């Protein structure tokens, strides 16, 4: 897989670590086989879930459909990068131009 898609939330928007794991488990169960949940990072004021894919925009549409009704979707950010690159391309929220992982 050539891209890493990152879903990110401010740590303050999550109830606790278990809620982040529940979102991760939901994605593992519902994402198509072309996409692979590759773990998470919890700390430094943010929470990240990592997804490996060859089609980041298609994977994002899938994720958005899965999480659209979840209370956390409103505070989510999403971006992707090539595995061997540093620059992220922001997918969500609309109009956002920067994305960083701390």
PDB file of N, CA and C in Angstrom:
ATOM      1  N   UNK A   1       0.850  -1.168   0.000  1.00  0.00           N
ATOM      2  CA  UNK A   1       0.000   0.000   0.000  1.00  0.00           C
ATOM      3  C   UNK A   1       0.899   1.235   0.000  1.00  0.00           C
ATOM      4  N   UNK A   2       0.505   2.216  -0.761  1.00  0.00           N
ATOM      5  CA  UNK A   2       1.410   3.339  -1.007  1.00  0.00           C
ATOM      6  C   UNK A   2       1.068   4.621  -0.251  1.00  0.00           C
ATOM      7  N   UNK A   3      -0.097   4.672   0.411  1.00  0.00           N
ATOM      8  CA  UNK A   3      -0.496   5.883   1.122  1.00  0.00           C
ATOM      9  C   UNK A   3      -0.877   5.571   2.565  1.00  0.00           C
ATOM     10  N   UNK A   4      -0.675   6.571   3.400  1.00  0.00           N
ATOM     11  CA  UNK A   4      -1.143   6.526   4.784  1.00  0.00           C
ATOM     12  C   UNK A   4      -2.192   7.616   4.937  1.00  0.00           C
ATOM     13  N   UNK A   5      -3.390   7.224   5.316  1.00  0.00           N
ATOM     14  CA  UNK A   5      -4.482   8.146   5.606  1.00  0.00           C
ATOM     15  C   UNK A   5      -4.562   8.260   7.119  1.00  0.00           C
ATOM     16  N   UNK A   6      -4.635   9.499   7.611  1.00  0.00           N
ATOM     17  CA  UNK A   6      -4.667   9.723   9.055  1.00  0.00           C
ATOM     18  C   UNK A   6      -5.969  10.411   9.424  1.00  0.00           C
ATOM     19  N   UNK A   7      -6.678   9.831  10.378  1.00  0.00           N
ATOM     20  CA  UNK A   7      -7.845  10.462  10.991  1.00  0.00           C
ATOM     21  C   UNK A   7      -7.386  11.034  12.311  1.00  0.00           C
ATOM     22  N   UNK A   8      -7.773  12.281  12.581  1.00  0.00           N
ATOM     23  CA  UNK A   8      -7.251  12.946  13.772  1.00  0.00           C
ATOM     24  C   UNK A   8      -8.372  13.678  14.512  1.00  0.00           C
ATOM     25  N   UNK A   9      -8.284  13.612  15.837  1.00  0.00           N
ATOM     26  CA  UNK A   9      -9.206  14.332  16.707  1.00  0.00           C
ATOM     27  C   UNK A   9      -8.427  15.009  17.812  1.00  0.00           C
ATOM     28  N   UNK A  10      -8.898  16.176  18.262  1.00  0.00           N
ATOM     29  CA  UNK A  10      -8.311  16.744  19.481  1.00  0.00           C
ATOM     30  C   UNK A  10      -8.616  15.779  20.630  1.00  0.00           C
ATOM     31  N   UNK A  11      -7.661  15.566  21.495  1.00  0.00           N
ATOM     32  CA  UNK A  11      -7.869  14.638  22.616  1.00  0.00           C
ATOM     33  C   UNK A  11      -9.067  15.055  23.458  1.00  0.00           C
ATOM     34  N   UNK A  12      -9.337  16.349  23.509  1.00  0.00           N
ATOM     35  CA  UNK A  12     -10.454  16.842  24.316  1.00  0.00           C
ATOM     36  C   UNK A  12     -11.816  16.417  23.764  1.00  0.00           C
ATOM     37  N   UNK A  13     -11.896  16.038  22.486  1.00  0.00           N
ATOM     38  CA  UNK A  13     -13.182  15.644  21.914  1.00  0.00           C
ATOM     39  C   UNK A  13     -13.531  14.189  22.229  1.00  0.00           C
ATOM     40  N   UNK A  14     -12.538  13.398  22.608  1.00  0.00           N
ATOM     41  CA  UNK A  14     -12.772  11.999  22.948  1.00  0.00           C
ATOM     42  C   UNK A  14     -13.123  11.856  24.416  1.00  0.00           C
ATOM     43  N   UNK A  15     -14.030  10.958  24.688  1.00  0.00           N
ATOM     44  CA  UNK A  15     -14.364  10.695  26.075  1.00  0.00           C
ATOM     45  C   UNK A  15     -13.197  10.074  26.817  1.00  0.00           C
ATOM     46  N   UNK A  16     -12.574   9.088  26.194  1.00  0.00           N
ATOM     47  CA  UNK A  16     -11.432   8.411  26.794  1.00  0.00           C
ATOM     48  C   UNK A  16     -10.773   7.511  25.751  1.00  0.00           C
ATOM     49  N   UNK A  17      -9.726   6.829  26.164  1.00  0.00           N
ATOM     50  CA  UNK A  17      -8.991   5.933  25.281  1.00  0.00           C
ATOM     51  C   UNK A  17      -9.896   4.855  24.705  1.00  0.00           C
ATOM     52  N   UNK A  18     -10.818   4.339  25.509  1.00  0.00           N
ATOM     53  CA  UNK A  18     -11.705   3.268  25.061  1.00  0.00           C
ATOM     54  C   UNK A  18     -12.586   3.706  23.896  1.00  0.00           C
ATOM     55  N   UNK A  19     -12.980   4.983  23.877  1.00  0.00           N
ATOM     56  CA  UNK A  19     -13.803   5.478  22.777  1.00  0.00           C
ATOM     57  C   UNK A  19     -13.006   5.475  21.468  1.00  0.00           C
ATOM     58  N   UNK A  20     -11.737   5.864  21.542  1.00  0.00           N
ATOM     59  CA  UNK A  20     -10.889   5.844  20.353  1.00  0.00           C
ATOM     60  C   UNK A  20     -10.712   4.410  19.853  1.00  0.00           C
ATOM     61  N   UNK A  21     -10.509   3.476  20.750  1.00  0.00           N
ATOM     62  CA  UNK A  21     -10.362   2.071  20.374  1.00  0.00           C
ATOM     63  C   UNK A  21     -11.662   1.561  19.749  1.00  0.00           C
ATOM     64  N   UNK A  22     -12.805   2.004  20.254  1.00  0.00           N
ATOM     65  CA  UNK A  22     -14.091   1.591  19.679  1.00  0.00           C
ATOM     66  C   UNK A  22     -14.231   2.099  18.243  1.00  0.00           C
ATOM     67  N   UNK A  23     -13.794   3.324  17.978  1.00  0.00           N
ATOM     68  CA  UNK A  23     -13.829   3.858  16.609  1.00  0.00           C
ATOM     69  C   UNK A  23     -12.882   3.054  15.725  1.00  0.00           C
ATOM     70  N   UNK A  24     -11.695   2.776  16.228  1.00  0.00           N
ATOM     71  CA  UNK A  24     -10.726   1.983  15.476  1.00  0.00           C
ATOM     72  C   UNK A  24     -11.300   0.596  15.156  1.00  0.00           C
ATOM     73  N   UNK A  25     -11.915  -0.054  16.131  1.00  0.00           N
ATOM     74  CA  UNK A  25     -12.510  -1.378  15.926  1.00  0.00           C
ATOM     75  C   UNK A  25     -13.643  -1.320  14.895  1.00  0.00           C
ATOM     76  N   UNK A  26     -14.439  -0.247  14.928  1.00  0.00           N
ATOM     77  CA  UNK A  26     -15.513  -0.071  13.958  1.00  0.00           C
ATOM     78  C   UNK A  26     -14.942   0.011  12.541  1.00  0.00           C
ATOM     79  N   UNK A  27     -13.863   0.769  12.374  1.00  0.00           N
ATOM     80  CA  UNK A  27     -13.234   0.879  11.059  1.00  0.00           C
ATOM     81  C   UNK A  27     -12.636  -0.459  10.613  1.00  0.00           C
ATOM     82  N   UNK A  28     -12.015  -1.171  11.526  1.00  0.00           N
ATOM     83  CA  UNK A  28     -11.460  -2.490  11.194  1.00  0.00           C
ATOM     84  C   UNK A  28     -12.570  -3.412  10.687  1.00  0.00           C
ATOM     85  N   UNK A  29     -13.719  -3.368  11.329  1.00  0.00           N
ATOM     86  CA  UNK A  29     -14.830  -4.249  10.967  1.00  0.00           C
ATOM     87  C   UNK A  29     -15.502  -3.846   9.651  1.00  0.00           C
ATOM     88  N   UNK A  30     -15.539  -2.555   9.340  1.00  0.00           N
ATOM     89  CA  UNK A  30     -16.367  -2.103   8.223  1.00  0.00           C
ATOM     90  C   UNK A  30     -15.610  -1.673   6.973  1.00  0.00           C
ATOM     91  N   UNK A  31     -14.333  -1.341   7.081  1.00  0.00           N
ATOM     92  CA  UNK A  31     -13.595  -0.911   5.891  1.00  0.00           C
ATOM     93  C   UNK A  31     -13.395  -2.083   4.927  1.00  0.00           C
ATOM     94  N   UNK A  32     -13.405  -1.782   3.649  1.00  0.00           N
ATOM     95  CA  UNK A  32     -13.177  -2.824   2.648  1.00  0.00           C
ATOM     96  C   UNK A  32     -11.751  -3.360   2.765  1.00  0.00           C
ATOM     97  N   UNK A  33     -11.520  -4.506   2.172  1.00  0.00           N
ATOM     98  CA  UNK A  33     -10.224  -5.176   2.270  1.00  0.00           C
ATOM     99  C   UNK A  33      -9.098  -4.396   1.603  1.00  0.00           C
ATOM    100  N   UNK A  34      -9.431  -3.448   0.750  1.00  0.00           N
ATOM    101  CA  UNK A  34      -8.411  -2.646   0.083  1.00  0.00           C
ATOM    102  C   UNK A  34      -7.736  -1.662   1.038  1.00  0.00           C
ATOM    103  N   UNK A  35      -8.301  -1.502   2.213  1.00  0.00           N
ATOM    104  CA  UNK A  35      -7.801  -0.558   3.207  1.00  0.00           C
ATOM    105  C   UNK A  35      -7.511  -1.304   4.498  1.00  0.00           C
ATOM    106  N   UNK A  36      -6.432  -0.909   5.162  1.00  0.00           N
ATOM    107  CA  UNK A  36      -6.032  -1.615   6.383  1.00  0.00           C
ATOM    108  C   UNK A  36      -5.795  -0.618   7.503  1.00  0.00           C
ATOM    109  N   UNK A  37      -6.541  -0.756   8.591  1.00  0.00           N
ATOM    110  CA  UNK A  37      -6.284   0.051   9.780  1.00  0.00           C
ATOM    111  C   UNK A  37      -4.939  -0.391  10.333  1.00  0.00           C
ATOM    112  N   UNK A  38      -4.057   0.589  10.536  1.00  0.00           N
ATOM    113  CA  UNK A  38      -2.671   0.287  10.889  1.00  0.00           C
ATOM    114  C   UNK A  38      -2.288   0.832  12.266  1.00  0.00           C
ATOM    115  N   UNK A  39      -3.259   0.959  13.149  1.00  0.00           N
ATOM    116  CA  UNK A  39      -2.940   1.360  14.508  1.00  0.00           C
ATOM    117  C   UNK A  39      -3.404   2.772  14.844  1.00  0.00           C
ATOM    118  N   UNK A  40      -2.946   3.216  16.004  1.00  0.00           N
ATOM    119  CA  UNK A  40      -3.378   4.512  16.517  1.00  0.00           C
ATOM    120  C   UNK A  40      -2.268   5.138  17.351  1.00  0.00           C
ATOM    121  N   UNK A  41      -2.474   6.396  17.666  1.00  0.00           N
ATOM    122  CA  UNK A  41      -1.569   7.158  18.522  1.00  0.00           C
ATOM    123  C   UNK A  41      -2.448   8.028  19.405  1.00  0.00           C
ATOM    124  N   UNK A  42      -2.261   7.951  20.699  1.00  0.00           N
ATOM    125  CA  UNK A  42      -3.095   8.678  21.648  1.00  0.00           C
ATOM    126  C   UNK A  42      -2.182   9.462  22.566  1.00  0.00           C
ATOM    127  N   UNK A  43      -2.201  10.780  22.471  1.00  0.00           N
ATOM    128  CA  UNK A  43      -1.356  11.609  23.314  1.00  0.00           C
ATOM    129  C   UNK A  43      -0.989  12.902  22.631  1.00  0.00           C
ATOM    130  N   UNK A  44      -0.198  13.728  23.281  1.00  0.00           N
ATOM    131  CA  UNK A  44       0.241  15.017  22.755  1.00  0.00           C
ATOM    132  C   UNK A  44      -0.927  15.895  22.338  1.00  0.00           C
ATOM    133  N   UNK A  45      -2.058  15.774  23.028  1.00  0.00           N
ATOM    134  CA  UNK A  45      -3.214  16.626  22.755  1.00  0.00           C
ATOM    135  C   UNK A  45      -4.042  16.212  21.559  1.00  0.00           C
ATOM    136  N   UNK A  46      -3.720  15.064  20.961  1.00  0.00           N
ATOM    137  CA  UNK A  46      -4.486  14.611  19.809  1.00  0.00           C
ATOM    138  C   UNK A  46      -4.532  13.087  19.782  1.00  0.00           C
ATOM    139  N   UNK A  47      -5.478  12.590  18.987  1.00  0.00           N
ATOM    140  CA  UNK A  47      -5.629  11.165  18.769  1.00  0.00           C
ATOM    141  C   UNK A  47      -5.611  10.923  17.268  1.00  0.00           C
ATOM    142  N   UNK A  48      -4.854   9.948  16.826  1.00  0.00           N
ATOM    143  CA  UNK A  48      -4.747   9.620  15.410  1.00  0.00           C
ATOM    144  C   UNK A  48      -5.038   8.143  15.191  1.00  0.00           C
ATOM    145  N   UNK A  49      -5.754   7.857  14.114  1.00  0.00           N
ATOM    146  CA  UNK A  49      -5.931   6.485  13.633  1.00  0.00           C
ATOM    147  C   UNK A  49      -5.345   6.455  12.231  1.00  0.00           C
ATOM    148  N   UNK A  50      -4.511   5.455  11.968  1.00  0.00           N
ATOM    149  CA  UNK A  50      -3.783   5.351  10.704  1.00  0.00           C
ATOM    150  C   UNK A  50      -4.385   4.249   9.838  1.00  0.00           C
ATOM    151  N   UNK A  51      -4.562   4.564   8.557  1.00  0.00           N
ATOM    152  CA  UNK A  51      -5.115   3.607   7.598  1.00  0.00           C
ATOM    153  C   UNK A  51      -4.173   3.550   6.399  1.00  0.00           C
ATOM    154  N   UNK A  52      -3.780   2.348   6.013  1.00  0.00           N
ATOM    155  CA  UNK A  52      -2.961   2.155   4.818  1.00  0.00           C
ATOM    156  C   UNK A  52      -3.881   1.856   3.641  1.00  0.00           C
ATOM    157  N   UNK A  53      -3.561   2.456   2.492  1.00  0.00           N
ATOM    158  CA  UNK A  53      -4.420   2.316   1.323  1.00  0.00           C
ATOM    159  C   UNK A  53      -3.654   2.643   0.049  1.00  0.00           C
ATOM    160  N   UNK A  54      -4.170   2.181  -1.061  1.00  0.00           N
ATOM    161  CA  UNK A  54      -3.650   2.599  -2.364  1.00  0.00           C
ATOM    162  C   UNK A  54      -4.529   3.703  -2.964  1.00  0.00           C
ATOM    163  N   UNK A  55      -5.712   3.898  -2.407  1.00  0.00           N
ATOM    164  CA  UNK A  55      -6.680   4.883  -2.909  1.00  0.00           C
ATOM    165  C   UNK A  55      -7.181   5.744  -1.750  1.00  0.00           C
ATOM    166  N   UNK A  56      -6.423   6.764  -1.337  1.00  0.00           N
ATOM    167  CA  UNK A  56      -6.791   7.519  -0.140  1.00  0.00           C
ATOM    168  C   UNK A  56      -8.130   8.254  -0.227  1.00  0.00           C
ATOM    169  N   UNK A  57      -8.473   8.780  -1.380  1.00  0.00           N
ATOM    170  CA  UNK A  57      -9.748   9.499  -1.482  1.00  0.00           C
ATOM    171  C   UNK A  57     -10.929   8.534  -1.420  1.00  0.00           C
ATOM    172  N   UNK A  58     -10.798   7.364  -2.015  1.00  0.00           N
ATOM    173  CA  UNK A  58     -11.839   6.349  -1.926  1.00  0.00           C
ATOM    174  C   UNK A  58     -11.958   5.848  -0.479  1.00  0.00           C
ATOM    175  N   UNK A  59     -10.822   5.618   0.165  1.00  0.00           N
ATOM    176  CA  UNK A  59     -10.838   5.177   1.564  1.00  0.00           C
ATOM    177  C   UNK A  59     -11.507   6.231   2.447  1.00  0.00           C
ATOM    178  N   UNK A  60     -11.209   7.503   2.179  1.00  0.00           N
ATOM    179  CA  UNK A  60     -11.831   8.569   2.963  1.00  0.00           C
ATOM    180  C   UNK A  60     -13.348   8.569   2.784  1.00  0.00           C
ATOM    181  N   UNK A  61     -13.824   8.381   1.572  1.00  0.00           N
ATOM    182  CA  UNK A  61     -15.276   8.339   1.349  1.00  0.00           C
ATOM    183  C   UNK A  61     -15.906   7.187   2.125  1.00  0.00           C
ATOM    184  N   UNK A  62     -15.232   6.060   2.157  1.00  0.00           N
ATOM    185  CA  UNK A  62     -15.717   4.916   2.936  1.00  0.00           C
ATOM    186  C   UNK A  62     -15.771   5.255   4.426  1.00  0.00           C
ATOM    187  N   UNK A  63     -14.688   5.831   4.925  1.00  0.00           N
ATOM    188  CA  UNK A  63     -14.601   6.193   6.343  1.00  0.00           C
ATOM    189  C   UNK A  63     -15.672   7.211   6.694  1.00  0.00           C
ATOM    190  N   UNK A  64     -15.853   8.185   5.828  1.00  0.00           N
ATOM    191  CA  UNK A  64     -16.865   9.216   6.083  1.00  0.00           C
ATOM    192  C   UNK A  64     -18.259   8.586   6.172  1.00  0.00           C
ATOM    193  N   UNK A  65     -18.556   7.639   5.305  1.00  0.00           N
ATOM    194  CA  UNK A  65     -19.852   6.963   5.357  1.00  0.00           C
ATOM    195  C   UNK A  65     -20.007   6.162   6.648  1.00  0.00           C
ATOM    196  N   UNK A  66     -18.945   5.539   7.100  1.00  0.00           N
ATOM    197  CA  UNK A  66     -18.984   4.739   8.327  1.00  0.00           C
ATOM    198  C   UNK A  66     -19.172   5.626   9.556  1.00  0.00           C
ATOM    199  N   UNK A  67     -18.479   6.763   9.591  1.00  0.00           N
ATOM    200  CA  UNK A  67     -18.468   7.602  10.797  1.00  0.00           C
ATOM    201  C   UNK A  67     -19.407   8.799  10.740  1.00  0.00           C
ATOM    202  N   UNK A  68     -20.119   9.002   9.645  1.00  0.00           N
ATOM    203  CA  UNK A  68     -20.947  10.202   9.479  1.00  0.00           C
ATOM    204  C   UNK A  68     -21.938  10.406  10.625  1.00  0.00           C
ATOM    205  N   UNK A  69     -22.491   9.357  11.169  1.00  0.00           N
ATOM    206  CA  UNK A  69     -23.455   9.490  12.252  1.00  0.00           C
ATOM    207  C   UNK A  69     -22.839   9.478  13.641  1.00  0.00           C
ATOM    208  N   UNK A  70     -21.552   9.290  13.723  1.00  0.00           N
ATOM    209  CA  UNK A  70     -20.865   9.210  15.013  1.00  0.00           C
ATOM    210  C   UNK A  70     -20.642  10.615  15.563  1.00  0.00           C
ATOM    211  N   UNK A  71     -20.763  10.800  16.838  1.00  0.00           N
ATOM    212  CA  UNK A  71     -20.619  12.115  17.452  1.00  0.00           C
ATOM    213  C   UNK A  71     -19.228  12.720  17.229  1.00  0.00           C
ATOM    214  N   UNK A  72     -18.226  11.893  17.001  1.00  0.00           N
ATOM    215  CA  UNK A  72     -16.869  12.387  16.808  1.00  0.00           C
ATOM    216  C   UNK A  72     -16.609  12.945  15.414  1.00  0.00           C
ATOM    217  N   UNK A  73     -17.490  12.646  14.457  1.00  0.00           N
ATOM    218  CA  UNK A  73     -17.206  13.058  13.084  1.00  0.00           C
ATOM    219  C   UNK A  73     -17.042  14.580  12.967  1.00  0.00           C
ATOM    220  N   UNK A  74     -17.837  15.331  13.686  1.00  0.00           N
ATOM    221  CA  UNK A  74     -17.790  16.803  13.587  1.00  0.00           C
ATOM    222  C   UNK A  74     -16.435  17.379  13.960  1.00  0.00           C
ATOM    223  N   UNK A  75     -15.690  16.728  14.817  1.00  0.00           N
ATOM    224  CA  UNK A  75     -14.388  17.256  15.249  1.00  0.00           C
ATOM    225  C   UNK A  75     -13.211  16.558  14.568  1.00  0.00           C
ATOM    226  N   UNK A  76     -13.504  15.717  13.580  1.00  0.00           N
ATOM    227  CA  UNK A  76     -12.451  14.962  12.901  1.00  0.00           C
ATOM    228  C   UNK A  76     -11.717  15.807  11.863  1.00  0.00           C
ATOM    229  N   UNK A  77     -10.480  15.434  11.634  1.00  0.00           N
ATOM    230  CA  UNK A  77      -9.690  15.944  10.514  1.00  0.00           C
ATOM    231  C   UNK A  77      -9.116  14.718   9.817  1.00  0.00           C
ATOM    232  N   UNK A  78      -8.860  14.839   8.528  1.00  0.00           N
ATOM    233  CA  UNK A  78      -8.301  13.714   7.778  1.00  0.00           C
ATOM    234  C   UNK A  78      -7.349  14.235   6.719  1.00  0.00           C
ATOM    235  N   UNK A  79      -6.246  13.527   6.552  1.00  0.00           N
ATOM    236  CA  UNK A  79      -5.263  13.870   5.531  1.00  0.00           C
ATOM    237  C   UNK A  79      -4.514  12.602   5.151  1.00  0.00           C
ATOM    238  N   UNK A  80      -3.837  12.656   4.015  1.00  0.00           N
ATOM    239  CA  UNK A  80      -3.050  11.499   3.594  1.00  0.00           C
ATOM    240  C   UNK A  80      -1.707  11.954   3.050  1.00  0.00           C
ATOM    241  N   UNK A  81      -0.797  10.999   3.011  1.00  0.00           N
ATOM    242  CA  UNK A  81       0.523  11.234   2.439  1.00  0.00           C
ATOM    243  C   UNK A  81       1.011   9.933   1.820  1.00  0.00           C
ATOM    244  N   UNK A  82       1.948  10.064   0.889  1.00  0.00           N
ATOM    245  CA  UNK A  82       2.612   8.866   0.415  1.00  0.00           C
ATOM    246  C   UNK A  82       3.441   8.332   1.572  1.00  0.00           C
ATOM    247  N   UNK A  83       3.567   7.037   1.673  1.00  0.00           N
ATOM    248  CA  UNK A  83       4.278   6.401   2.781  1.00  0.00           C
ATOM    249  C   UNK A  83       5.681   6.985   2.953  1.00  0.00           C
ATOM    250  N   UNK A  84       6.361   7.243   1.862  1.00  0.00           N
ATOM    251  CA  UNK A  84       7.744   7.723   1.939  1.00  0.00           C
ATOM    252  C   UNK A  84       7.870   9.249   1.858  1.00  0.00           C
ATOM    253  N   UNK A  85       6.772   9.975   2.072  1.00  0.00           N
ATOM    254  CA  UNK A  85       6.793  11.440   1.995  1.00  0.00           C
ATOM    255  C   UNK A  85       6.391  12.037   3.340  1.00  0.00           C
ATOM    256  N   UNK A  86       6.646  13.323   3.484  1.00  0.00           N
ATOM    257  CA  UNK A  86       6.299  14.026   4.718  1.00  0.00           C
ATOM    258  C   UNK A  86       5.077  14.931   4.556  1.00  0.00           C
ATOM    259  N   UNK A  87       4.780  15.357   3.349  1.00  0.00           N
ATOM    260  CA  UNK A  87       3.712  16.330   3.113  1.00  0.00           C
ATOM    261  C   UNK A  87       2.344  15.662   3.089  1.00  0.00           C
ATOM    262  N   UNK A  88       1.425  16.221   3.890  1.00  0.00           N
ATOM    263  CA  UNK A  88       0.056  15.719   3.943  1.00  0.00           C
ATOM    264  C   UNK A  88      -0.845  16.526   3.024  1.00  0.00           C
ATOM    265  N   UNK A  89      -1.814  15.832   2.423  1.00  0.00           N
ATOM    266  CA  UNK A  89      -2.849  16.449   1.604  1.00  0.00           C
ATOM    267  C   UNK A  89      -4.153  16.355   2.404  1.00  0.00           C
ATOM    268  N   UNK A  90      -4.702  17.495   2.775  1.00  0.00           N
ATOM    269  CA  UNK A  90      -5.870  17.535   3.653  1.00  0.00           C
ATOM    270  C   UNK A  90      -7.139  17.173   2.878  1.00  0.00           C
ATOM    271  N   UNK A  91      -7.918  16.280   3.446  1.00  0.00           N
ATOM    272  CA  UNK A  91      -9.201  15.876   2.881  1.00  0.00           C
ATOM    273  C   UNK A  91     -10.385  16.457   3.654  1.00  0.00           C
ATOM    274  N   UNK A  92     -10.201  16.637   4.954  1.00  0.00           N
ATOM    275  CA  UNK A  92     -11.307  17.054   5.826  1.00  0.00           C
ATOM    276  C   UNK A  92     -10.749  17.786   7.021  1.00  0.00           C
ATOM    277  N   UNK A  93     -11.336  18.825   7.488  1.00  0.00           N
ATOM    278  CA  UNK A  93     -12.596  19.426   7.037  1.00  0.00           C
ATOM    279  C   UNK A  93     -12.395  20.241   5.762  1.00  0.00           C
ATOM    280  N   UNK A  94     -13.492  20.462   5.061  1.00  0.00           N
ATOM    281  CA  UNK A  94     -13.429  21.251   3.831  1.00  0.00           C
ATOM    282  C   UNK A  94     -12.788  22.603   4.110  1.00  0.00           C
ATOM    283  N   UNK A  95     -11.902  23.016   3.251  1.00  0.00           N
ATOM    284  CA  UNK A  95     -11.272  24.315   3.371  1.00  0.00           C
ATOM    285  C   UNK A  95      -9.992  24.322   4.198  1.00  0.00           C
ATOM    286  N   UNK A  96      -9.727  23.266   4.944  1.00  0.00           N
ATOM    287  CA  UNK A  96      -8.498  23.202   5.751  1.00  0.00           C
ATOM    288  C   UNK A  96      -7.298  23.025   4.816  1.00  0.00           C
ATOM    289  N   UNK A  97      -6.193  23.650   5.175  1.00  0.00           N
ATOM    290  CA  UNK A  97      -5.007  23.567   4.322  1.00  0.00           C
ATOM    291  C   UNK A  97      -3.783  23.006   5.044  1.00  0.00           C
ATOM    292  N   UNK A  98      -3.842  22.899   6.369  1.00  0.00           N
ATOM    293  CA  UNK A  98      -2.695  22.381   7.092  1.00  0.00           C
ATOM    294  C   UNK A  98      -3.094  21.175   7.924  1.00  0.00           C
ATOM    295  N   UNK A  99      -2.128  20.292   8.124  1.00  0.00           N
ATOM    296  CA  UNK A  99      -2.347  19.081   8.904  1.00  0.00           C
ATOM    297  C   UNK A  99      -1.007  18.695   9.503  1.00  0.00           C
ATOM    298  N   UNK A 100      -0.979  18.460  10.794  1.00  0.00           N
ATOM    299  CA  UNK A 100       0.240  18.083  11.470  1.00  0.00           C
ATOM    300  C   UNK A 100      -0.029  16.954  12.449  1.00  0.00           C
ATOM    301  N   UNK A 101       0.965  16.114  12.632  1.00  0.00           N
ATOM    302  CA  UNK A 101       0.902  15.093  13.676  1.00  0.00           C
ATOM    303  C   UNK A 101       1.972  15.455  14.690  1.00  0.00           C
ATOM    304  N   UNK A 102       1.558  15.526  15.933  1.00  0.00           N
ATOM    305  CA  UNK A 102       2.507  15.916  16.993  1.00  0.00           C
ATOM    306  C   UNK A 102       3.109  14.714  17.659  1.00  0.00           C
TER     307      UNK A 102
END
